[in-house]
PDB file of N, CA and C in Angstrom:
ATOM      1  N   MET A   1      12.510   5.229 -20.866  1.00  0.00           N
ATOM      2  CA  MET A   1      11.748   4.820 -19.728  1.00  0.00           C
ATOM      3  C   MET A   1      10.692   5.870 -19.420  1.00  0.00           C
ATOM      4  N   GLU A   2       9.515   5.436 -18.976  1.00  0.00           N
ATOM      5  CA  GLU A   2       8.434   6.350 -18.648  1.00  0.00           C
ATOM      6  C   GLU A   2       8.455   6.684 -17.160  1.00  0.00           C
ATOM      7  N   LYS A   3       7.929   7.851 -16.837  1.00  0.00           N
ATOM      8  CA  LYS A   3       7.864   8.310 -15.461  1.00  0.00           C
ATOM      9  C   LYS A   3       6.400   8.410 -15.048  1.00  0.00           C
ATOM     10  N   LEU A   4       6.080   7.957 -13.848  1.00  0.00           N
ATOM     11  CA  LEU A   4       4.723   7.988 -13.329  1.00  0.00           C
ATOM     12  C   LEU A   4       4.309   9.412 -12.986  1.00  0.00           C
ATOM     13  N   GLU A   5       3.032   9.742 -13.196  1.00  0.00           N
ATOM     14  CA  GLU A   5       2.514  11.061 -12.833  1.00  0.00           C
ATOM     15  C   GLU A   5       2.675  11.304 -11.334  1.00  0.00           C
ATOM     16  N   ALA A   6       2.656  12.574 -10.942  1.00  0.00           N
ATOM     17  CA  ALA A   6       2.919  12.963  -9.552  1.00  0.00           C
ATOM     18  C   ALA A   6       1.888  12.419  -8.565  1.00  0.00           C
ATOM     19  N   GLU A   7       0.594  12.553  -8.856  1.00  0.00           N
ATOM     20  CA  GLU A   7      -0.428  12.138  -7.882  1.00  0.00           C
ATOM     21  C   GLU A   7      -0.375  10.641  -7.583  1.00  0.00           C
ATOM     22  N   PRO A   8      -0.365   9.757  -8.587  1.00  0.00           N
ATOM     23  CA  PRO A   8      -0.257   8.328  -8.271  1.00  0.00           C
ATOM     24  C   PRO A   8       1.045   7.981  -7.545  1.00  0.00           C
ATOM     25  N   LYS A   9       2.119   8.666  -7.900  1.00  0.00           N
ATOM     26  CA  LYS A   9       3.400   8.432  -7.228  1.00  0.00           C
ATOM     27  C   LYS A   9       3.285   8.766  -5.740  1.00  0.00           C
ATOM     28  N   THR A  10       2.635   9.879  -5.436  1.00  0.00           N
ATOM     29  CA  THR A  10       2.441  10.292  -4.040  1.00  0.00           C
ATOM     30  C   THR A  10       1.552   9.294  -3.303  1.00  0.00           C
ATOM     31  N   VAL A  11       0.514   8.805  -3.960  1.00  0.00           N
ATOM     32  CA  VAL A  11      -0.376   7.824  -3.338  1.00  0.00           C
ATOM     33  C   VAL A  11       0.403   6.560  -2.980  1.00  0.00           C
ATOM     34  N   LEU A  12       1.219   6.061  -3.897  1.00  0.00           N
ATOM     35  CA  LEU A  12       2.017   4.869  -3.602  1.00  0.00           C
ATOM     36  C   LEU A  12       2.973   5.116  -2.439  1.00  0.00           C
ATOM     37  N   TYR A  13       3.604   6.268  -2.421  1.00  0.00           N
ATOM     38  CA  TYR A  13       4.507   6.627  -1.329  1.00  0.00           C
ATOM     39  C   TYR A  13       3.759   6.607   0.003  1.00  0.00           C
ATOM     40  N   ARG A  14       2.577   7.227   0.044  1.00  0.00           N
ATOM     41  CA  ARG A  14       1.797   7.295   1.289  1.00  0.00           C
ATOM     42  C   ARG A  14       1.313   5.920   1.740  1.00  0.00           C
ATOM     43  N   VAL A  15       0.973   5.050   0.803  1.00  0.00           N
ATOM     44  CA  VAL A  15       0.559   3.699   1.166  1.00  0.00           C
ATOM     45  C   VAL A  15       1.731   2.939   1.791  1.00  0.00           C
ATOM     46  N   VAL A  16       2.910   3.067   1.200  1.00  0.00           N
ATOM     47  CA  VAL A  16       4.099   2.425   1.783  1.00  0.00           C
ATOM     48  C   VAL A  16       4.377   3.015   3.157  1.00  0.00           C
ATOM     49  N   GLN A  17       4.328   4.326   3.274  1.00  0.00           N
ATOM     50  CA  GLN A  17       4.593   5.000   4.544  1.00  0.00           C
ATOM     51  C   GLN A  17       3.631   4.533   5.638  1.00  0.00           C
ATOM     52  N   GLU A  18       2.340   4.509   5.344  1.00  0.00           N
ATOM     53  CA  GLU A  18       1.351   4.089   6.333  1.00  0.00           C
ATOM     54  C   GLU A  18       1.506   2.610   6.673  1.00  0.00           C
ATOM     55  N   SER A  19       1.809   1.796   5.666  1.00  0.00           N
ATOM     56  CA  SER A  19       2.024   0.366   5.910  1.00  0.00           C
ATOM     57  C   SER A  19       3.196   0.147   6.857  1.00  0.00           C
ATOM     58  N   LEU A  20       4.302   0.843   6.618  1.00  0.00           N
ATOM     59  CA  LEU A  20       5.474   0.703   7.490  1.00  0.00           C
ATOM     60  C   LEU A  20       5.189   1.226   8.897  1.00  0.00           C
ATOM     61  N   THR A  21       4.417   2.294   8.999  1.00  0.00           N
ATOM     62  CA  THR A  21       4.022   2.809  10.317  1.00  0.00           C
ATOM     63  C   THR A  21       3.203   1.765  11.067  1.00  0.00           C
ATOM     64  N   ASN A  22       2.245   1.151  10.384  1.00  0.00           N
ATOM     65  CA  ASN A  22       1.422   0.120  11.020  1.00  0.00           C
ATOM     66  C   ASN A  22       2.259  -1.087  11.440  1.00  0.00           C
ATOM     67  N   ILE A  23       3.195  -1.480  10.606  1.00  0.00           N
ATOM     68  CA  ILE A  23       4.069  -2.606  10.942  1.00  0.00           C
ATOM     69  C   ILE A  23       4.876  -2.280  12.192  1.00  0.00           C
ATOM     70  N   TYR A  24       5.438  -1.083  12.242  1.00  0.00           N
ATOM     71  CA  TYR A  24       6.236  -0.656  13.393  1.00  0.00           C
ATOM     72  C   TYR A  24       5.401  -0.632  14.676  1.00  0.00           C
ATOM     73  N   LYS A  25       4.196  -0.088  14.586  1.00  0.00           N
ATOM     74  CA  LYS A  25       3.356   0.077  15.779  1.00  0.00           C
ATOM     75  C   LYS A  25       2.705  -1.216  16.263  1.00  0.00           C
ATOM     76  N   TYR A  26       2.281  -2.069  15.333  1.00  0.00           N
ATOM     77  CA  TYR A  26       1.392  -3.161  15.722  1.00  0.00           C
ATOM     78  C   TYR A  26       1.856  -4.571  15.403  1.00  0.00           C
ATOM     79  N   ALA A  27       2.684  -4.749  14.378  1.00  0.00           N
ATOM     80  CA  ALA A  27       2.910  -6.100  13.862  1.00  0.00           C
ATOM     81  C   ALA A  27       3.913  -6.938  14.636  1.00  0.00           C
ATOM     82  N   GLY A  28       4.921  -6.304  15.242  1.00  0.00           N
ATOM     83  CA  GLY A  28       5.977  -7.080  15.872  1.00  0.00           C
ATOM     84  C   GLY A  28       6.733  -7.917  14.851  1.00  0.00           C
ATOM     85  N   ALA A  29       6.888  -7.388  13.653  1.00  0.00           N
ATOM     86  CA  ALA A  29       7.505  -8.139  12.560  1.00  0.00           C
ATOM     87  C   ALA A  29       9.026  -8.106  12.638  1.00  0.00           C
ATOM     88  N   GLY A  30       9.644  -9.177  12.184  1.00  0.00           N
ATOM     89  CA  GLY A  30      11.088  -9.245  12.067  1.00  0.00           C
ATOM     90  C   GLY A  30      11.563  -8.976  10.652  1.00  0.00           C
ATOM     91  N   ARG A  31      10.642  -9.124   9.680  1.00  0.00           N
ATOM     92  CA  ARG A  31      10.991  -8.899   8.275  1.00  0.00           C
ATOM     93  C   ARG A  31       9.846  -8.199   7.561  1.00  0.00           C
ATOM     94  N   VAL A  32      10.233  -7.347   6.603  1.00  0.00           N
ATOM     95  CA  VAL A  32       9.275  -6.646   5.756  1.00  0.00           C
ATOM     96  C   VAL A  32       9.816  -6.680   4.332  1.00  0.00           C
ATOM     97  N   GLY A  33       8.929  -6.912   3.389  1.00  0.00           N
ATOM     98  CA  GLY A  33       9.300  -6.865   1.980  1.00  0.00           C
ATOM     99  C   GLY A  33       8.390  -5.902   1.242  1.00  0.00           C
ATOM    100  N   ILE A  34       8.978  -5.125   0.349  1.00  0.00           N
ATOM    101  CA  ILE A  34       8.209  -4.179  -0.456  1.00  0.00           C
ATOM    102  C   ILE A  34       8.537  -4.432  -1.916  1.00  0.00           C
ATOM    103  N   SER A  35       7.503  -4.565  -2.734  1.00  0.00           N
ATOM    104  CA  SER A  35       7.733  -4.702  -4.168  1.00  0.00           C
ATOM    105  C   SER A  35       6.804  -3.745  -4.912  1.00  0.00           C
ATOM    106  N   ILE A  36       7.375  -3.104  -5.922  1.00  0.00           N
ATOM    107  CA  ILE A  36       6.619  -2.231  -6.813  1.00  0.00           C
ATOM    108  C   ILE A  36       7.028  -2.620  -8.221  1.00  0.00           C
ATOM    109  N   ARG A  37       6.022  -2.921  -9.049  1.00  0.00           N
ATOM    110  CA  ARG A  37       6.345  -3.309 -10.426  1.00  0.00           C
ATOM    111  C   ARG A  37       5.241  -2.854 -11.373  1.00  0.00           C
ATOM    112  N   LYS A  38       5.647  -2.670 -12.587  1.00  0.00           N
ATOM    113  CA  LYS A  38       4.705  -2.331 -13.649  1.00  0.00           C
ATOM    114  C   LYS A  38       4.320  -3.620 -14.353  1.00  0.00           C
ATOM    115  N   ALA A  39       3.013  -3.852 -14.472  1.00  0.00           N
ATOM    116  CA  ALA A  39       2.501  -5.034 -15.168  1.00  0.00           C
ATOM    117  C   ALA A  39       1.502  -4.541 -16.208  1.00  0.00           C
ATOM    118  N   GLY A  40       1.966  -4.409 -17.436  1.00  0.00           N
ATOM    119  CA  GLY A  40       1.105  -3.857 -18.475  1.00  0.00           C
ATOM    120  C   GLY A  40       0.841  -2.387 -18.205  1.00  0.00           C
ATOM    121  N   ARG A  41      -0.410  -2.027 -18.077  1.00  0.00           N
ATOM    122  CA  ARG A  41      -0.789  -0.636 -17.814  1.00  0.00           C
ATOM    123  C   ARG A  41      -1.174  -0.421 -16.349  1.00  0.00           C
ATOM    124  N   VAL A  42      -0.615  -1.250 -15.449  1.00  0.00           N
ATOM    125  CA  VAL A  42      -0.919  -1.166 -14.025  1.00  0.00           C
ATOM    126  C   VAL A  42       0.380  -1.176 -13.225  1.00  0.00           C
ATOM    127  N   ILE A  43       0.406  -0.374 -12.172  1.00  0.00           N
ATOM    128  CA  ILE A  43       1.505  -0.420 -11.210  1.00  0.00           C
ATOM    129  C   ILE A  43       0.998  -1.203 -10.004  1.00  0.00           C
ATOM    130  N   ARG A  44       1.741  -2.224  -9.604  1.00  0.00           N
ATOM    131  CA  ARG A  44       1.348  -3.062  -8.465  1.00  0.00           C
ATOM    132  C   ARG A  44       2.344  -2.881  -7.324  1.00  0.00           C
ATOM    133  N   LEU A  45       1.790  -2.692  -6.144  1.00  0.00           N
ATOM    134  CA  LEU A  45       2.580  -2.523  -4.925  1.00  0.00           C
ATOM    135  C   LEU A  45       2.176  -3.600  -3.939  1.00  0.00           C
ATOM    136  N   ALA A  46       3.151  -4.180  -3.260  1.00  0.00           N
ATOM    137  CA  ALA A  46       2.871  -5.120  -2.172  1.00  0.00           C
ATOM    138  C   ALA A  46       3.826  -4.818  -1.026  1.00  0.00           C
ATOM    139  N   VAL A  47       3.271  -4.732   0.185  1.00  0.00           N
ATOM    140  CA  VAL A  47       4.062  -4.576   1.402  1.00  0.00           C
ATOM    141  C   VAL A  47       3.686  -5.756   2.292  1.00  0.00           C
ATOM    142  N   LYS A  48       4.667  -6.616   2.558  1.00  0.00           N
ATOM    143  CA  LYS A  48       4.402  -7.860   3.283  1.00  0.00           C
ATOM    144  C   LYS A  48       5.283  -7.939   4.520  1.00  0.00           C
ATOM    145  N   ASP A  49       4.676  -8.371   5.643  1.00  0.00           N
ATOM    146  CA  ASP A  49       5.461  -8.562   6.865  1.00  0.00           C
ATOM    147  C   ASP A  49       5.201  -9.950   7.443  1.00  0.00           C
ATOM    148  N   ASN A  50       6.076 -10.344   8.369  1.00  0.00           N
ATOM    149  CA  ASN A  50       5.929 -11.641   9.027  1.00  0.00           C
ATOM    150  C   ASN A  50       5.480 -11.458  10.475  1.00  0.00           C
ATOM    151  N   GLY A  51       4.699 -10.428  10.721  1.00  0.00           N
ATOM    152  CA  GLY A  51       4.268 -10.088  12.081  1.00  0.00           C
ATOM    153  C   GLY A  51       3.081 -10.886  12.579  1.00  0.00           C
ATOM    154  N   LYS A  52       2.420 -10.322  13.601  1.00  0.00           N
ATOM    155  CA  LYS A  52       1.327 -10.988  14.301  1.00  0.00           C
ATOM    156  C   LYS A  52       0.102 -11.232  13.435  1.00  0.00           C
ATOM    157  N   GLY A  53      -0.132 -10.349  12.487  1.00  0.00           N
ATOM    158  CA  GLY A  53      -1.342 -10.455  11.688  1.00  0.00           C
ATOM    159  C   GLY A  53      -2.567 -10.052  12.497  1.00  0.00           C
ATOM    160  N   PHE A  54      -3.722 -10.013  11.841  1.00  0.00           N
ATOM    161  CA  PHE A  54      -4.962  -9.648  12.520  1.00  0.00           C
ATOM    162  C   PHE A  54      -6.147 -10.157  11.718  1.00  0.00           C
ATOM    163  N   ASP A  55      -7.296 -10.143  12.341  1.00  0.00           N
ATOM    164  CA  ASP A  55      -8.530 -10.558  11.691  1.00  0.00           C
ATOM    165  C   ASP A  55      -9.085  -9.363  10.925  1.00  0.00           C
ATOM    166  N   THR A  56      -9.015  -9.392   9.607  1.00  0.00           N
ATOM    167  CA  THR A  56      -9.450  -8.250   8.798  1.00  0.00           C
ATOM    168  C   THR A  56     -10.952  -7.999   8.917  1.00  0.00           C
ATOM    169  N   VAL A  57     -11.737  -9.012   9.194  1.00  0.00           N
ATOM    170  CA  VAL A  57     -13.188  -8.848   9.322  1.00  0.00           C
ATOM    171  C   VAL A  57     -13.529  -8.055  10.585  1.00  0.00           C
ATOM    172  N   ARG A  58     -12.787  -8.267  11.627  1.00  0.00           N
ATOM    173  CA  ARG A  58     -13.087  -7.598  12.908  1.00  0.00           C
ATOM    174  C   ARG A  58     -12.525  -6.184  12.989  1.00  0.00           C
ATOM    175  N   LEU A  59     -11.741  -5.792  12.006  1.00  0.00           N
ATOM    176  CA  LEU A  59     -11.129  -4.464  12.049  1.00  0.00           C
ATOM    177  C   LEU A  59     -12.034  -3.451  11.348  1.00  0.00           C
ATOM    178  N   ALA A  60     -13.037  -3.003  12.054  1.00  0.00           N
ATOM    179  CA  ALA A  60     -13.938  -1.959  11.567  1.00  0.00           C
ATOM    180  C   ALA A  60     -14.014  -0.904  12.657  1.00  0.00           C
ATOM    181  N   PRO A  61     -13.593   0.323  12.369  1.00  0.00           N
ATOM    182  CA  PRO A  61     -13.558   1.326  13.422  1.00  0.00           C
ATOM    183  C   PRO A  61     -14.941   1.662  13.962  1.00  0.00           C
ATOM    184  N   GLY A  62     -15.015   1.732  15.275  1.00  0.00           N
ATOM    185  CA  GLY A  62     -16.249   2.154  15.933  1.00  0.00           C
ATOM    186  C   GLY A  62     -16.185   3.643  16.206  1.00  0.00           C
ATOM    187  N   PRO A  63     -17.236   4.210  16.831  1.00  0.00           N
ATOM    188  CA  PRO A  63     -17.281   5.641  17.055  1.00  0.00           C
ATOM    189  C   PRO A  63     -16.152   6.173  17.949  1.00  0.00           C
ATOM    190  N   LYS A  64     -15.666   5.366  18.895  1.00  0.00           N
ATOM    191  CA  LYS A  64     -14.599   5.820  19.792  1.00  0.00           C
ATOM    192  C   LYS A  64     -13.276   5.129  19.507  1.00  0.00           C
ATOM    193  N   ASP A  65     -13.247   4.318  18.483  1.00  0.00           N
ATOM    194  CA  ASP A  65     -12.076   3.491  18.179  1.00  0.00           C
ATOM    195  C   ASP A  65     -11.410   3.993  16.914  1.00  0.00           C
ATOM    196  N   LYS A  66     -10.098   4.210  16.977  1.00  0.00           N
ATOM    197  CA  LYS A  66      -9.368   4.688  15.798  1.00  0.00           C
ATOM    198  C   LYS A  66      -8.693   3.559  15.034  1.00  0.00           C
ATOM    199  N   SER A  67      -8.854   2.303  15.464  1.00  0.00           N
ATOM    200  CA  SER A  67      -8.229   1.203  14.752  1.00  0.00           C
ATOM    201  C   SER A  67      -8.829   1.103  13.353  1.00  0.00           C
ATOM    202  N   GLY A  68      -8.004   0.842  12.403  1.00  0.00           N
ATOM    203  CA  GLY A  68      -8.465   0.695  11.029  1.00  0.00           C
ATOM    204  C   GLY A  68      -8.500   1.986  10.239  1.00  0.00           C
ATOM    205  N   LEU A  69      -8.284   3.129  10.898  1.00  0.00           N
ATOM    206  CA  LEU A  69      -8.355   4.395  10.177  1.00  0.00           C
ATOM    207  C   LEU A  69      -7.216   4.549   9.171  1.00  0.00           C
ATOM    208  N   GLY A  70      -6.036   4.042   9.497  1.00  0.00           N
ATOM    209  CA  GLY A  70      -4.917   4.100   8.552  1.00  0.00           C
ATOM    210  C   GLY A  70      -5.212   3.300   7.302  1.00  0.00           C
ATOM    211  N   LEU A  71      -5.804   2.110   7.485  1.00  0.00           N
ATOM    212  CA  LEU A  71      -6.179   1.287   6.339  1.00  0.00           C
ATOM    213  C   LEU A  71      -7.265   1.970   5.519  1.00  0.00           C
ATOM    214  N   MET A  72      -8.224   2.595   6.194  1.00  0.00           N
ATOM    215  CA  MET A  72      -9.278   3.302   5.468  1.00  0.00           C
ATOM    216  C   MET A  72      -8.706   4.481   4.684  1.00  0.00           C
ATOM    217  N   GLY A  73      -7.725   5.168   5.253  1.00  0.00           N
ATOM    218  CA  GLY A  73      -7.071   6.275   4.561  1.00  0.00           C
ATOM    219  C   GLY A  73      -6.356   5.813   3.305  1.00  0.00           C
ATOM    220  N   MET A  74      -5.665   4.668   3.403  1.00  0.00           N
ATOM    221  CA  MET A  74      -4.984   4.119   2.233  1.00  0.00           C
ATOM    222  C   MET A  74      -5.998   3.762   1.150  1.00  0.00           C
ATOM    223  N   GLN A  75      -7.082   3.129   1.559  1.00  0.00           N
ATOM    224  CA  GLN A  75      -8.118   2.737   0.612  1.00  0.00           C
ATOM    225  C   GLN A  75      -8.706   3.966  -0.086  1.00  0.00           C
ATOM    226  N   GLU A  76      -8.953   5.021   0.669  1.00  0.00           N
ATOM    227  CA  GLU A  76      -9.518   6.238   0.094  1.00  0.00           C
ATOM    228  C   GLU A  76      -8.544   6.902  -0.880  1.00  0.00           C
ATOM    229  N   ARG A  77      -7.277   6.966  -0.518  1.00  0.00           N
ATOM    230  CA  ARG A  77      -6.268   7.549  -1.417  1.00  0.00           C
ATOM    231  C   ARG A  77      -6.234   6.810  -2.750  1.00  0.00           C
ATOM    232  N   LEU A  78      -6.279   5.489  -2.683  1.00  0.00           N
ATOM    233  CA  LEU A  78      -6.242   4.695  -3.907  1.00  0.00           C
ATOM    234  C   LEU A  78      -7.518   4.870  -4.724  1.00  0.00           C
ATOM    235  N   ARG A  79      -8.632   5.003  -4.060  1.00  0.00           N
ATOM    236  CA  ARG A  79      -9.899   5.209  -4.774  1.00  0.00           C
ATOM    237  C   ARG A  79      -9.834   6.494  -5.600  1.00  0.00           C
ATOM    238  N   LEU A  80      -9.179   7.516  -5.073  1.00  0.00           N
ATOM    239  CA  LEU A  80      -9.098   8.802  -5.756  1.00  0.00           C
ATOM    240  C   LEU A  80      -8.281   8.752  -7.053  1.00  0.00           C
ATOM    241  N   VAL A  81      -7.432   7.737  -7.202  1.00  0.00           N
ATOM    242  CA  VAL A  81      -6.658   7.578  -8.436  1.00  0.00           C
ATOM    243  C   VAL A  81      -7.090   6.321  -9.199  1.00  0.00           C
ATOM    244  N   ASN A  82      -8.340   5.899  -8.960  1.00  0.00           N
ATOM    245  CA  ASN A  82      -8.913   4.711  -9.612  1.00  0.00           C
ATOM    246  C   ASN A  82      -8.124   3.444  -9.326  1.00  0.00           C
ATOM    247  N   GLY A  83      -7.568   3.372  -8.121  1.00  0.00           N
ATOM    248  CA  GLY A  83      -6.782   2.213  -7.738  1.00  0.00           C
ATOM    249  C   GLY A  83      -7.580   1.200  -6.952  1.00  0.00           C
ATOM    250  N   GLU A  84      -6.930   0.089  -6.658  1.00  0.00           N
ATOM    251  CA  GLU A  84      -7.527  -0.981  -5.867  1.00  0.00           C
ATOM    252  C   GLU A  84      -6.657  -1.235  -4.647  1.00  0.00           C
ATOM    253  N   PHE A  85      -7.296  -1.669  -3.563  1.00  0.00           N
ATOM    254  CA  PHE A  85      -6.620  -1.874  -2.288  1.00  0.00           C
ATOM    255  C   PHE A  85      -7.128  -3.164  -1.661  1.00  0.00           C
ATOM    256  N   VAL A  86      -6.196  -4.015  -1.227  1.00  0.00           N
ATOM    257  CA  VAL A  86      -6.553  -5.275  -0.586  1.00  0.00           C
ATOM    258  C   VAL A  86      -5.600  -5.494   0.588  1.00  0.00           C
ATOM    259  N   VAL A  87      -6.154  -5.947   1.708  1.00  0.00           N
ATOM    260  CA  VAL A  87      -5.339  -6.331   2.859  1.00  0.00           C
ATOM    261  C   VAL A  87      -5.581  -7.818   3.107  1.00  0.00           C
ATOM    262  N   GLU A  88      -4.496  -8.577   3.154  1.00  0.00           N
ATOM    263  CA  GLU A  88      -4.572 -10.010   3.432  1.00  0.00           C
ATOM    264  C   GLU A  88      -3.867 -10.250   4.758  1.00  0.00           C
ATOM    265  N   SER A  89      -4.601 -10.799   5.722  1.00  0.00           N
ATOM    266  CA  SER A  89      -4.006 -11.054   7.021  1.00  0.00           C
ATOM    267  C   SER A  89      -4.886 -12.019   7.802  1.00  0.00           C
ATOM    268  N   ALA A  90      -4.276 -12.661   8.762  1.00  0.00           N
ATOM    269  CA  ALA A  90      -4.968 -13.489   9.737  1.00  0.00           C
ATOM    270  C   ALA A  90      -4.051 -13.588  10.940  1.00  0.00           C
ATOM    271  N   PRO A  91      -4.612 -13.763  12.133  1.00  0.00           N
ATOM    272  CA  PRO A  91      -3.762 -13.865  13.323  1.00  0.00           C
ATOM    273  C   PRO A  91      -2.671 -14.926  13.154  1.00  0.00           C
ATOM    274  N   GLY A  92      -1.433 -14.529  13.430  1.00  0.00           N
ATOM    275  CA  GLY A  92      -0.296 -15.438  13.369  1.00  0.00           C
ATOM    276  C   GLY A  92       0.307 -15.633  11.987  1.00  0.00           C
ATOM    277  N   THR A  93      -0.206 -14.956  10.953  1.00  0.00           N
ATOM    278  CA  THR A  93       0.288 -15.199   9.598  1.00  0.00           C
ATOM    279  C   THR A  93       0.967 -14.007   8.945  1.00  0.00           C
ATOM    280  N   GLY A  94       1.053 -12.880   9.622  1.00  0.00           N
ATOM    281  CA  GLY A  94       1.600 -11.687   8.990  1.00  0.00           C
ATOM    282  C   GLY A  94       0.534 -10.996   8.157  1.00  0.00           C
ATOM    283  N   THR A  95       0.941  -9.936   7.499  1.00  0.00           N
ATOM    284  CA  THR A  95      -0.005  -9.116   6.733  1.00  0.00           C
ATOM    285  C   THR A  95       0.617  -8.734   5.399  1.00  0.00           C
ATOM    286  N   THR A  96      -0.218  -8.691   4.371  1.00  0.00           N
ATOM    287  CA  THR A  96       0.192  -8.177   3.074  1.00  0.00           C
ATOM    288  C   THR A  96      -0.802  -7.103   2.655  1.00  0.00           C
ATOM    289  N   VAL A  97      -0.272  -5.928   2.353  1.00  0.00           N
ATOM    290  CA  VAL A  97      -1.074  -4.831   1.805  1.00  0.00           C
ATOM    291  C   VAL A  97      -0.764  -4.794   0.317  1.00  0.00           C
ATOM    292  N   ARG A  98      -1.805  -4.852  -0.493  1.00  0.00           N
ATOM    293  CA  ARG A  98      -1.649  -4.814  -1.950  1.00  0.00           C
ATOM    294  C   ARG A  98      -2.401  -3.612  -2.501  1.00  0.00           C
ATOM    295  N   ALA A  99      -1.744  -2.920  -3.409  1.00  0.00           N
ATOM    296  CA  ALA A  99      -2.366  -1.774  -4.072  1.00  0.00           C
ATOM    297  C   ALA A  99      -2.029  -1.847  -5.546  1.00  0.00           C
ATOM    298  N   SER A 100      -2.963  -1.420  -6.370  1.00  0.00           N
ATOM    299  CA  SER A 100      -2.687  -1.323  -7.807  1.00  0.00           C
ATOM    300  C   SER A 100      -3.363  -0.070  -8.333  1.00  0.00           C
ATOM    301  N   ILE A 101      -2.666   0.579  -9.259  1.00  0.00           N
ATOM    302  CA  ILE A 101      -3.209   1.787  -9.872  1.00  0.00           C
ATOM    303  C   ILE A 101      -2.944   1.741 -11.368  1.00  0.00           C
ATOM    304  N   PRO A 102      -3.837   2.337 -12.156  1.00  0.00           N
ATOM    305  CA  PRO A 102      -3.574   2.411 -13.591  1.00  0.00           C
ATOM    306  C   PRO A 102      -2.315   3.237 -13.845  1.00  0.00           C
ATOM    307  N   PHE A 103      -1.498   2.781 -14.780  1.00  0.00           N
ATOM    308  CA  PHE A 103      -0.276   3.514 -15.112  1.00  0.00           C
ATOM    309  C   PHE A 103      -0.585   4.571 -16.153  1.00  0.00           C
ATOM    310  N   LYS A 104      -0.340   5.811 -15.782  1.00  0.00           N
ATOM    311  CA  LYS A 104      -0.468   6.941 -16.709  1.00  0.00           C
ATOM    312  C   LYS A 104       0.858   7.665 -16.678  1.00  0.00           C
ATOM    313  N   PRO A 105       1.625   7.574 -17.753  1.00  0.00           N
ATOM    314  CA  PRO A 105       2.940   8.211 -17.730  1.00  0.00           C
ATOM    315  C   PRO A 105       2.835   9.723 -17.619  1.00  0.00           C
ATOM    316  N   GLY A 106       3.801  10.297 -16.887  1.00  0.00           N
ATOM    317  CA  GLY A 106       3.900  11.744 -16.777  1.00  0.00           C
ATOM    318  C   GLY A 106       4.460  12.336 -18.059  1.00  0.00           C
ATOM    319  N   THR A 107       4.590  13.633 -18.074  1.00  0.00           N
ATOM    320  CA  THR A 107       5.061  14.311 -19.275  1.00  0.00           C
ATOM    321  C   THR A 107       6.572  14.238 -19.429  1.00  0.00           C
ATOM    322  N   GLU A 108       7.280  14.014 -18.335  1.00  0.00           N
ATOM    323  CA  GLU A 108       8.741  13.933 -18.409  1.00  0.00           C
ATOM    324  C   GLU A 108       9.173  12.497 -18.644  1.00  0.00           C
ATOM    325  N   LYS A 109      10.207  12.344 -19.405  1.00  0.00           N
ATOM    326  CA  LYS A 109      10.820  11.025 -19.608  1.00  0.00           C
ATOM    327  C   LYS A 109      12.035  10.927 -18.700  1.00  0.00           C
ATOM    328  N   LEU A 110      12.289   9.734 -18.187  1.00  0.00           N
ATOM    329  CA  LEU A 110      13.494   9.526 -17.401  1.00  0.00           C
ATOM    330  C   LEU A 110      14.686   9.545 -18.337  1.00  0.00           C
ATOM    331  N   ARG A 111      15.781  10.114 -17.875  1.00  0.00           N
ATOM    332  CA  ARG A 111      16.983  10.151 -18.704  1.00  0.00           C
ATOM    333  C   ARG A 111      17.850   8.953 -18.401  1.00  0.00           C
ATOM    334  N   SER A 112      18.416   8.410 -19.441  1.00  0.00           N
ATOM    335  CA  SER A 112      19.330   7.295 -19.282  1.00  0.00           C
ATOM    336  C   SER A 112      20.678   7.842 -18.826  1.00  0.00           C
ATOM    337  N   THR A 113      21.371   7.078 -17.990  1.00  0.00           N
ATOM    338  CA  THR A 113      22.686   7.486 -17.526  1.00  0.00           C
ATOM    339  C   THR A 113      23.803   6.863 -18.350  1.00  0.00           C
ATOM    340  N   ASP A 114      23.429   6.177 -19.423  1.00  0.00           N
ATOM    341  CA  ASP A 114      24.442   5.546 -20.288  1.00  0.00           C
ATOM    342  C   ASP A 114      25.211   6.547 -21.093  1.00  0.00           C
TER     343      ASP A 114
END
């Protein structure tokens, strides 16, 4: 089994962390699902909730407004590792945060426990 390099691993962790923070603070969700999978040479992450949702077009931070800064931070982190970031949401439909990054195996191999 291959192991992901440290920087992309940290980026995925931070995206999940920020997504869960946003869900806790704003979504009013009763359920959250997280999936991480390798698809070819890409790692795909999805964090989905059944919360309030929001209008993604209207979420642009203004000079005195900090809304959207967490999403912008996630997007920037992914950009630094050549990743992609998408937020799917609408009022009343919940939110899905999707991230994908190129898979570059680290130098260490995972050991089998068999």
